[in-house]
């Protein structure tokens, strides 16, 4: 929780600082134009990359494969689109990194590596307090099969 709080405080302050610095260097109107240009370029790139990712996901589903990578790439595209719509230059750089295929793939691979470390190869059912092969309850008892008894026919 403190990480999110720090992020929500430092990112806007960093954006504000950078916008003021760029505004002093190139002027207020060019800075505003730069923010609008990155938003329009990002929207166009988001549309193009989103359609390509959707096509790859459909292709994998048609083959019977799970489109896990494509789903993570779609999440990265959504995050990139939101960051590009957020005014500021730092969020634009991170947003473009989420939209450009090579950097997006690196980001998805990094996330998958982090998830693999957290989940581990044994899966979610194996955790502290469980034994390997512990698949449920064992009920001990004796039974006898009685084929000689007549049972009424079932309807």
N, C-alpha and C. Protein backbone atom coordinates (compact mmCIF):
# COMPACT_ATOMS: atom_id res chain seq x y z
N UNK A 1 0.80 -1.20 0.00
CA UNK A 1 0.00 0.00 0.00
C UNK A 1 0.85 1.26 0.00
N UNK A 2 1.93 1.34 0.78
CA UNK A 2 2.74 2.55 0.75
C UNK A 2 3.37 2.79 -0.62
N UNK A 3 3.62 1.73 -1.38
CA UNK A 3 4.20 1.90 -2.71
C UNK A 3 3.25 2.66 -3.62
N UNK A 4 1.97 2.31 -3.58
CA UNK A 4 0.99 3.02 -4.40
C UNK A 4 0.85 4.47 -3.98
N UNK A 5 0.88 4.71 -2.68
CA UNK A 5 0.79 6.08 -2.19
C UNK A 5 1.97 6.91 -2.68
N UNK A 6 3.15 6.34 -2.58
CA UNK A 6 4.35 7.04 -3.06
C UNK A 6 4.24 7.29 -4.56
N UNK A 7 3.76 6.30 -5.30
CA UNK A 7 3.61 6.44 -6.75
C UNK A 7 2.61 7.53 -7.11
N UNK A 8 1.48 7.57 -6.41
CA UNK A 8 0.46 8.57 -6.71
C UNK A 8 0.87 9.98 -6.30
N UNK A 9 1.86 10.10 -5.45
CA UNK A 9 2.34 11.42 -5.07
C UNK A 9 3.51 11.86 -5.95
N UNK A 10 4.46 10.95 -6.18
CA UNK A 10 5.67 11.34 -6.91
C UNK A 10 5.46 11.50 -8.41
N UNK A 11 4.62 10.67 -9.01
CA UNK A 11 4.42 10.77 -10.46
C UNK A 11 3.82 12.12 -10.85
N UNK A 12 2.74 12.58 -10.23
CA UNK A 12 2.23 13.90 -10.61
C UNK A 12 3.22 15.04 -10.33
N UNK A 13 3.96 14.93 -9.23
CA UNK A 13 4.96 15.97 -8.95
C UNK A 13 6.07 15.96 -9.99
N UNK A 14 6.51 14.77 -10.38
CA UNK A 14 7.52 14.66 -11.43
C UNK A 14 7.00 15.19 -12.76
N UNK A 15 5.76 14.87 -13.09
CA UNK A 15 5.15 15.37 -14.33
C UNK A 15 5.07 16.89 -14.31
N UNK A 16 4.64 17.44 -13.20
CA UNK A 16 4.53 18.89 -13.08
C UNK A 16 5.89 19.56 -13.23
N UNK A 17 6.89 19.01 -12.57
CA UNK A 17 8.24 19.56 -12.67
C UNK A 17 8.74 19.52 -14.10
N UNK A 18 8.57 18.38 -14.77
CA UNK A 18 9.05 18.24 -16.14
C UNK A 18 8.29 19.15 -17.10
N UNK A 19 6.99 19.27 -16.93
CA UNK A 19 6.21 20.18 -17.79
C UNK A 19 6.65 21.63 -17.60
N UNK A 20 6.94 22.03 -16.38
CA UNK A 20 7.43 23.40 -16.14
C UNK A 20 8.78 23.61 -16.79
N UNK A 21 9.67 22.63 -16.66
CA UNK A 21 11.01 22.75 -17.25
C UNK A 21 10.94 22.80 -18.78
N UNK A 22 10.14 21.92 -19.38
CA UNK A 22 10.00 21.91 -20.84
C UNK A 22 9.32 23.20 -21.29
N UNK A 23 8.32 23.65 -20.54
CA UNK A 23 7.64 24.90 -20.88
C UNK A 23 8.58 26.09 -20.84
N UNK A 24 9.50 26.11 -19.90
CA UNK A 24 10.48 27.20 -19.85
C UNK A 24 11.48 27.10 -21.00
N UNK A 25 11.79 25.88 -21.41
CA UNK A 25 12.78 25.70 -22.48
C UNK A 25 12.21 25.99 -23.86
N UNK A 26 11.00 25.49 -24.16
CA UNK A 26 10.47 25.66 -25.52
C UNK A 26 9.24 26.55 -25.57
N UNK A 27 8.69 26.91 -24.43
CA UNK A 27 7.51 27.77 -24.41
C UNK A 27 6.27 27.00 -24.01
N UNK A 28 5.25 27.75 -23.60
CA UNK A 28 4.03 27.12 -23.10
C UNK A 28 3.22 26.47 -24.21
N UNK A 29 3.00 27.19 -25.32
CA UNK A 29 2.18 26.63 -26.40
C UNK A 29 2.82 25.40 -27.04
N UNK A 30 4.13 25.41 -27.34
CA UNK A 30 4.73 24.18 -27.87
C UNK A 30 4.65 23.00 -26.89
N UNK A 31 4.72 23.27 -25.61
CA UNK A 31 4.60 22.19 -24.62
C UNK A 31 3.20 21.60 -24.63
N UNK A 32 2.19 22.46 -24.70
CA UNK A 32 0.80 21.98 -24.79
C UNK A 32 0.60 21.21 -26.09
N UNK A 33 1.15 21.73 -27.19
CA UNK A 33 1.04 21.05 -28.48
C UNK A 33 1.72 19.68 -28.43
N UNK A 34 2.85 19.60 -27.74
CA UNK A 34 3.56 18.33 -27.61
C UNK A 34 2.71 17.31 -26.85
N UNK A 35 2.06 17.75 -25.79
CA UNK A 35 1.18 16.85 -25.02
C UNK A 35 0.00 16.37 -25.87
N UNK A 36 -0.60 17.28 -26.63
CA UNK A 36 -1.72 16.90 -27.49
C UNK A 36 -1.27 15.97 -28.61
N UNK A 37 -0.10 16.24 -29.18
CA UNK A 37 0.44 15.40 -30.26
C UNK A 37 0.70 13.98 -29.77
N UNK A 38 1.30 13.85 -28.59
CA UNK A 38 1.56 12.51 -28.07
C UNK A 38 0.26 11.77 -27.77
N UNK A 39 -0.77 12.48 -27.33
CA UNK A 39 -2.06 11.83 -27.07
C UNK A 39 -2.69 11.33 -28.36
N UNK A 40 -2.65 12.15 -29.42
CA UNK A 40 -3.23 11.73 -30.71
C UNK A 40 -2.43 10.59 -31.33
N UNK A 41 -1.12 10.69 -31.28
CA UNK A 41 -0.26 9.64 -31.83
C UNK A 41 -0.46 8.34 -31.04
N UNK A 42 -0.59 8.46 -29.74
CA UNK A 42 -0.82 7.29 -28.91
C UNK A 42 -2.15 6.63 -29.19
N UNK A 43 -3.20 7.43 -29.41
CA UNK A 43 -4.52 6.86 -29.72
C UNK A 43 -4.47 6.09 -31.04
N UNK A 44 -3.78 6.65 -32.02
CA UNK A 44 -3.65 5.97 -33.31
C UNK A 44 -2.86 4.66 -33.17
N UNK A 45 -1.76 4.72 -32.45
CA UNK A 45 -0.93 3.54 -32.24
C UNK A 45 -1.68 2.49 -31.41
N UNK A 46 -2.46 2.94 -30.44
CA UNK A 46 -3.25 2.02 -29.62
C UNK A 46 -4.28 1.28 -30.47
N UNK A 47 -4.94 1.98 -31.36
CA UNK A 47 -5.93 1.34 -32.23
C UNK A 47 -5.26 0.28 -33.11
N UNK A 48 -4.14 0.64 -33.73
CA UNK A 48 -3.44 -0.29 -34.62
C UNK A 48 -2.94 -1.52 -33.86
N UNK A 49 -2.24 -1.30 -32.76
CA UNK A 49 -1.67 -2.41 -32.00
C UNK A 49 -2.77 -3.26 -31.34
N UNK A 50 -3.84 -2.62 -30.92
CA UNK A 50 -4.95 -3.37 -30.33
C UNK A 50 -5.59 -4.32 -31.31
N UNK A 51 -5.79 -3.86 -32.54
CA UNK A 51 -6.37 -4.74 -33.57
C UNK A 51 -5.43 -5.89 -33.91
N UNK A 52 -4.13 -5.62 -33.97
CA UNK A 52 -3.17 -6.70 -34.25
C UNK A 52 -3.15 -7.73 -33.13
N UNK A 53 -3.19 -7.26 -31.89
CA UNK A 53 -3.20 -8.18 -30.75
C UNK A 53 -4.48 -9.00 -30.73
N UNK A 54 -5.60 -8.38 -31.04
CA UNK A 54 -6.87 -9.09 -31.10
C UNK A 54 -6.84 -10.16 -32.19
N UNK A 55 -6.25 -9.85 -33.34
CA UNK A 55 -6.15 -10.83 -34.43
C UNK A 55 -5.28 -12.02 -34.01
N UNK A 56 -4.17 -11.75 -33.31
CA UNK A 56 -3.31 -12.85 -32.85
C UNK A 56 -4.02 -13.71 -31.81
N UNK A 57 -4.79 -13.07 -30.94
CA UNK A 57 -5.54 -13.83 -29.92
C UNK A 57 -6.59 -14.72 -30.58
N UNK A 58 -7.29 -14.19 -31.57
CA UNK A 58 -8.28 -15.01 -32.30
C UNK A 58 -7.62 -16.18 -33.00
N UNK A 59 -6.45 -15.93 -33.61
CA UNK A 59 -5.73 -16.99 -34.31
C UNK A 59 -5.35 -18.10 -33.33
N UNK A 60 -4.87 -17.72 -32.15
CA UNK A 60 -4.52 -18.74 -31.15
C UNK A 60 -5.75 -19.50 -30.66
N UNK A 61 -6.86 -18.80 -30.47
CA UNK A 61 -8.08 -19.49 -30.05
C UNK A 61 -8.57 -20.45 -31.12
N UNK A 62 -8.46 -20.07 -32.39
CA UNK A 62 -8.86 -20.95 -33.48
C UNK A 62 -8.00 -22.21 -33.52
N UNK A 63 -6.74 -22.09 -33.14
CA UNK A 63 -5.85 -23.24 -33.10
C UNK A 63 -6.05 -24.08 -31.85
N UNK A 64 -6.84 -23.57 -30.91
CA UNK A 64 -7.07 -24.29 -29.66
C UNK A 64 -6.06 -23.96 -28.58
N UNK A 65 -5.24 -22.95 -28.80
CA UNK A 65 -4.24 -22.56 -27.82
C UNK A 65 -4.78 -21.41 -26.96
N UNK A 66 -4.31 -21.35 -25.74
CA UNK A 66 -4.71 -20.28 -24.83
C UNK A 66 -3.91 -19.02 -25.16
N UNK A 67 -4.57 -17.91 -25.44
CA UNK A 67 -3.84 -16.68 -25.81
C UNK A 67 -3.37 -15.89 -24.58
N UNK A 68 -2.59 -16.51 -23.72
CA UNK A 68 -2.16 -15.86 -22.47
C UNK A 68 -1.27 -14.66 -22.75
N UNK A 69 -0.31 -14.82 -23.65
CA UNK A 69 0.60 -13.70 -23.97
C UNK A 69 -0.20 -12.55 -24.56
N UNK A 70 -1.13 -12.86 -25.44
CA UNK A 70 -1.93 -11.81 -26.06
C UNK A 70 -2.80 -11.09 -25.03
N UNK A 71 -3.29 -11.82 -24.04
CA UNK A 71 -4.09 -11.17 -23.00
C UNK A 71 -3.23 -10.22 -22.17
N UNK A 72 -2.02 -10.64 -21.84
CA UNK A 72 -1.12 -9.75 -21.10
C UNK A 72 -0.72 -8.55 -21.95
N UNK A 73 -0.53 -8.78 -23.25
CA UNK A 73 -0.22 -7.65 -24.14
C UNK A 73 -1.41 -6.70 -24.22
N UNK A 74 -2.62 -7.23 -24.19
CA UNK A 74 -3.80 -6.37 -24.21
C UNK A 74 -3.88 -5.52 -22.94
N UNK A 75 -3.52 -6.11 -21.81
CA UNK A 75 -3.48 -5.34 -20.57
C UNK A 75 -2.43 -4.24 -20.66
N UNK A 76 -1.26 -4.57 -21.24
CA UNK A 76 -0.22 -3.56 -21.42
C UNK A 76 -0.70 -2.45 -22.36
N UNK A 77 -1.46 -2.82 -23.39
CA UNK A 77 -2.00 -1.81 -24.30
C UNK A 77 -2.99 -0.89 -23.59
N UNK A 78 -3.82 -1.46 -22.75
CA UNK A 78 -4.78 -0.64 -22.00
C UNK A 78 -4.05 0.32 -21.06
N UNK A 79 -3.06 -0.21 -20.36
CA UNK A 79 -2.28 0.64 -19.46
C UNK A 79 -1.58 1.74 -20.25
N UNK A 80 -0.99 1.38 -21.39
CA UNK A 80 -0.33 2.37 -22.23
C UNK A 80 -1.29 3.43 -22.73
N UNK A 81 -2.49 3.03 -23.11
CA UNK A 81 -3.48 4.00 -23.57
C UNK A 81 -3.90 4.96 -22.48
N UNK A 82 -4.10 4.43 -21.28
CA UNK A 82 -4.46 5.30 -20.15
C UNK A 82 -3.32 6.27 -19.83
N UNK A 83 -2.10 5.77 -19.87
CA UNK A 83 -0.95 6.64 -19.58
C UNK A 83 -0.79 7.72 -20.64
N UNK A 84 -1.08 7.40 -21.90
CA UNK A 84 -0.97 8.42 -22.95
C UNK A 84 -2.07 9.46 -22.84
N UNK A 85 -3.21 9.09 -22.33
CA UNK A 85 -4.28 10.08 -22.15
C UNK A 85 -4.05 10.95 -20.92
N UNK A 86 -3.20 10.49 -20.01
CA UNK A 86 -2.85 11.29 -18.84
C UNK A 86 -1.88 12.38 -19.28
N UNK A 87 -2.18 13.64 -18.98
CA UNK A 87 -1.27 14.70 -19.41
C UNK A 87 0.08 14.61 -18.71
N UNK A 88 1.12 14.72 -19.49
CA UNK A 88 2.46 14.67 -18.93
C UNK A 88 3.40 13.95 -19.86
N UNK A 89 4.68 14.21 -19.69
CA UNK A 89 5.67 13.64 -20.59
C UNK A 89 6.23 12.31 -20.07
N UNK A 90 6.35 12.16 -18.77
CA UNK A 90 6.85 10.90 -18.21
C UNK A 90 5.84 9.78 -18.49
N UNK A 91 4.57 10.04 -18.25
CA UNK A 91 3.55 9.03 -18.52
C UNK A 91 3.46 8.73 -20.01
N UNK A 92 3.74 9.73 -20.86
CA UNK A 92 3.74 9.48 -22.30
C UNK A 92 4.86 8.52 -22.70
N UNK A 93 6.03 8.69 -22.11
CA UNK A 93 7.15 7.80 -22.43
C UNK A 93 6.83 6.37 -21.99
N UNK A 94 6.30 6.22 -20.79
CA UNK A 94 5.94 4.88 -20.31
C UNK A 94 4.78 4.31 -21.14
N UNK A 95 3.83 5.16 -21.51
CA UNK A 95 2.71 4.72 -22.34
C UNK A 95 3.17 4.24 -23.71
N UNK A 96 4.09 4.99 -24.34
CA UNK A 96 4.62 4.55 -25.63
C UNK A 96 5.41 3.26 -25.48
N UNK A 97 6.10 3.08 -24.37
CA UNK A 97 6.82 1.82 -24.14
C UNK A 97 5.85 0.64 -24.08
N UNK A 98 4.65 0.88 -23.58
CA UNK A 98 3.63 -0.18 -23.54
C UNK A 98 3.01 -0.43 -24.91
N UNK A 99 3.08 0.54 -25.81
CA UNK A 99 2.43 0.40 -27.11
C UNK A 99 3.37 -0.12 -28.20
N UNK A 100 4.66 0.09 -28.05
CA UNK A 100 5.61 -0.35 -29.08
C UNK A 100 5.88 -1.84 -28.87
N UNK A 101 5.67 -2.66 -29.92
CA UNK A 101 5.73 -4.13 -29.74
C UNK A 101 7.00 -4.67 -29.07
N UNK A 102 8.21 -4.27 -29.46
CA UNK A 102 9.38 -4.88 -28.79
C UNK A 102 9.45 -4.57 -27.29
N UNK A 103 9.18 -3.34 -26.92
CA UNK A 103 9.23 -3.01 -25.49
C UNK A 103 8.05 -3.62 -24.75
N UNK A 104 6.91 -3.73 -25.41
CA UNK A 104 5.75 -4.36 -24.78
C UNK A 104 6.03 -5.84 -24.52
N UNK A 105 6.68 -6.52 -25.47
CA UNK A 105 7.00 -7.93 -25.26
C UNK A 105 7.98 -8.10 -24.11
N UNK A 106 8.97 -7.20 -24.02
CA UNK A 106 9.90 -7.26 -22.89
C UNK A 106 9.17 -7.07 -21.56
N UNK A 107 8.24 -6.14 -21.55
CA UNK A 107 7.46 -5.88 -20.34
C UNK A 107 6.62 -7.10 -19.97
N UNK A 108 5.98 -7.72 -20.95
CA UNK A 108 5.15 -8.91 -20.69
C UNK A 108 6.02 -10.06 -20.20
N UNK A 109 7.20 -10.24 -20.80
CA UNK A 109 8.10 -11.31 -20.35
C UNK A 109 8.57 -11.06 -18.92
N UNK A 110 8.81 -9.80 -18.58
CA UNK A 110 9.22 -9.46 -17.22
C UNK A 110 8.10 -9.79 -16.23
N UNK A 111 6.87 -9.44 -16.60
CA UNK A 111 5.72 -9.73 -15.73
C UNK A 111 5.54 -11.24 -15.58
N UNK A 112 5.67 -11.98 -16.68
CA UNK A 112 5.54 -13.44 -16.61
C UNK A 112 6.61 -14.05 -15.72
N UNK A 113 7.83 -13.54 -15.81
CA UNK A 113 8.91 -14.06 -14.97
C UNK A 113 8.62 -13.79 -13.50
N UNK A 114 8.07 -12.63 -13.19
CA UNK A 114 7.72 -12.31 -11.80
C UNK A 114 6.58 -13.20 -11.32
N UNK A 115 5.59 -13.45 -12.18
CA UNK A 115 4.48 -14.32 -11.80
C UNK A 115 4.94 -15.75 -11.60
N UNK A 116 5.86 -16.21 -12.43
CA UNK A 116 6.36 -17.58 -12.31
C UNK A 116 7.10 -17.76 -10.99
N UNK A 117 7.80 -16.73 -10.55
CA UNK A 117 8.52 -16.83 -9.29
C UNK A 117 7.53 -16.86 -8.13
N UNK A 118 6.48 -16.07 -8.19
CA UNK A 118 5.51 -16.03 -7.10
C UNK A 118 4.65 -17.28 -7.04
N UNK A 119 4.18 -17.75 -8.19
CA UNK A 119 3.31 -18.92 -8.20
C UNK A 119 4.13 -20.18 -8.06
N UNK A 120 5.23 -20.27 -8.79
CA UNK A 120 6.08 -21.43 -8.73
C UNK A 120 5.57 -22.55 -9.60
N UNK A 121 6.40 -23.53 -9.84
CA UNK A 121 6.01 -24.61 -10.75
C UNK A 121 4.99 -25.57 -10.15
N UNK A 122 4.82 -25.58 -8.84
CA UNK A 122 3.92 -26.55 -8.24
C UNK A 122 2.46 -26.14 -8.33
N UNK A 123 2.20 -24.88 -8.63
CA UNK A 123 0.82 -24.44 -8.77
C UNK A 123 0.27 -23.92 -7.47
N UNK A 124 -0.94 -23.39 -7.54
CA UNK A 124 -1.52 -22.75 -6.35
C UNK A 124 -1.98 -23.73 -5.28
N UNK A 125 -2.18 -25.02 -5.63
CA UNK A 125 -2.71 -25.94 -4.63
C UNK A 125 -1.64 -26.42 -3.66
N UNK A 126 -0.39 -26.34 -4.04
CA UNK A 126 0.69 -26.77 -3.16
C UNK A 126 1.17 -25.57 -2.36
N UNK A 127 0.99 -25.60 -1.11
CA UNK A 127 1.42 -24.49 -0.28
C UNK A 127 1.87 -25.02 1.06
N UNK A 128 2.15 -24.12 1.98
CA UNK A 128 2.56 -24.57 3.31
C UNK A 128 1.45 -25.40 3.95
N UNK A 129 1.84 -26.49 4.57
CA UNK A 129 0.86 -27.32 5.26
C UNK A 129 0.25 -28.41 4.41
N UNK A 130 0.60 -28.49 3.13
CA UNK A 130 0.07 -29.56 2.29
C UNK A 130 1.21 -30.50 1.93
N UNK A 131 0.85 -31.76 1.73
CA UNK A 131 1.83 -32.74 1.33
C UNK A 131 1.62 -33.09 -0.12
N UNK A 132 2.68 -33.54 -0.75
CA UNK A 132 2.55 -33.96 -2.14
C UNK A 132 1.65 -35.18 -2.18
N UNK A 133 0.71 -35.18 -3.08
CA UNK A 133 -0.21 -36.29 -3.21
C UNK A 133 -1.41 -36.18 -2.28
N UNK A 134 -1.50 -35.11 -1.52
CA UNK A 134 -2.63 -34.91 -0.61
C UNK A 134 -3.79 -34.38 -1.43
N UNK A 135 -4.54 -35.28 -2.04
CA UNK A 135 -5.60 -34.87 -2.94
C UNK A 135 -6.97 -34.82 -2.32
N UNK A 136 -7.12 -35.08 -1.06
CA UNK A 136 -8.43 -35.02 -0.44
C UNK A 136 -8.47 -35.85 0.83
N UNK A 137 -9.68 -36.27 1.21
CA UNK A 137 -9.88 -37.02 2.44
C UNK A 137 -9.80 -38.51 2.16
N UNK A 138 -9.29 -39.26 3.12
CA UNK A 138 -9.27 -40.71 3.04
C UNK A 138 -10.24 -41.25 4.09
N UNK A 139 -11.17 -42.05 3.63
CA UNK A 139 -12.14 -42.66 4.54
C UNK A 139 -11.84 -44.15 4.58
N UNK A 140 -11.50 -44.61 5.77
CA UNK A 140 -11.18 -46.02 5.92
C UNK A 140 -12.44 -46.79 6.29
N UNK A 141 -12.51 -48.03 5.82
CA UNK A 141 -13.66 -48.86 6.16
C UNK A 141 -13.62 -50.16 5.39
N UNK A 142 -14.56 -51.03 5.72
CA UNK A 142 -14.70 -52.30 5.02
C UNK A 142 -15.98 -52.27 4.21
N UNK A 143 -15.98 -53.04 3.15
CA UNK A 143 -17.20 -53.14 2.36
C UNK A 143 -17.35 -54.57 1.90
N UNK A 144 -18.57 -54.92 1.60
CA UNK A 144 -18.86 -56.24 1.08
C UNK A 144 -19.84 -56.07 -0.07
N UNK A 145 -19.60 -56.78 -1.13
CA UNK A 145 -20.47 -56.72 -2.29
C UNK A 145 -21.51 -57.83 -2.17
N UNK A 146 -22.77 -57.46 -2.30
CA UNK A 146 -23.85 -58.44 -2.16
C UNK A 146 -24.64 -58.49 -3.45
N UNK A 147 -24.21 -59.35 -4.32
CA UNK A 147 -24.89 -59.51 -5.60
C UNK A 147 -26.11 -60.41 -5.49
N UNK A 148 -26.19 -61.19 -4.42
CA UNK A 148 -27.27 -62.16 -4.32
C UNK A 148 -28.60 -61.54 -3.90
N UNK A 149 -28.59 -60.31 -3.39
CA UNK A 149 -29.84 -59.67 -3.00
C UNK A 149 -30.57 -59.17 -4.23
N UNK A 150 -31.88 -59.29 -4.20
CA UNK A 150 -32.70 -58.82 -5.30
C UNK A 150 -33.07 -57.37 -5.06
N UNK A 151 -32.83 -56.56 -6.05
CA UNK A 151 -33.20 -55.15 -5.98
C UNK A 151 -34.35 -54.91 -6.94
N UNK A 152 -35.32 -54.09 -6.55
CA UNK A 152 -36.42 -53.80 -7.48
C UNK A 152 -35.88 -53.04 -8.70
N UNK A 153 -36.43 -53.31 -9.88
CA UNK A 153 -35.94 -52.61 -11.08
C UNK A 153 -36.24 -51.12 -11.00
N UNK A 154 -35.34 -50.35 -11.53
CA UNK A 154 -35.50 -48.89 -11.55
C UNK A 154 -36.23 -48.47 -12.80
N UNK A 155 -37.03 -47.43 -12.64
CA UNK A 155 -37.79 -46.92 -13.79
C UNK A 155 -36.95 -46.04 -14.64
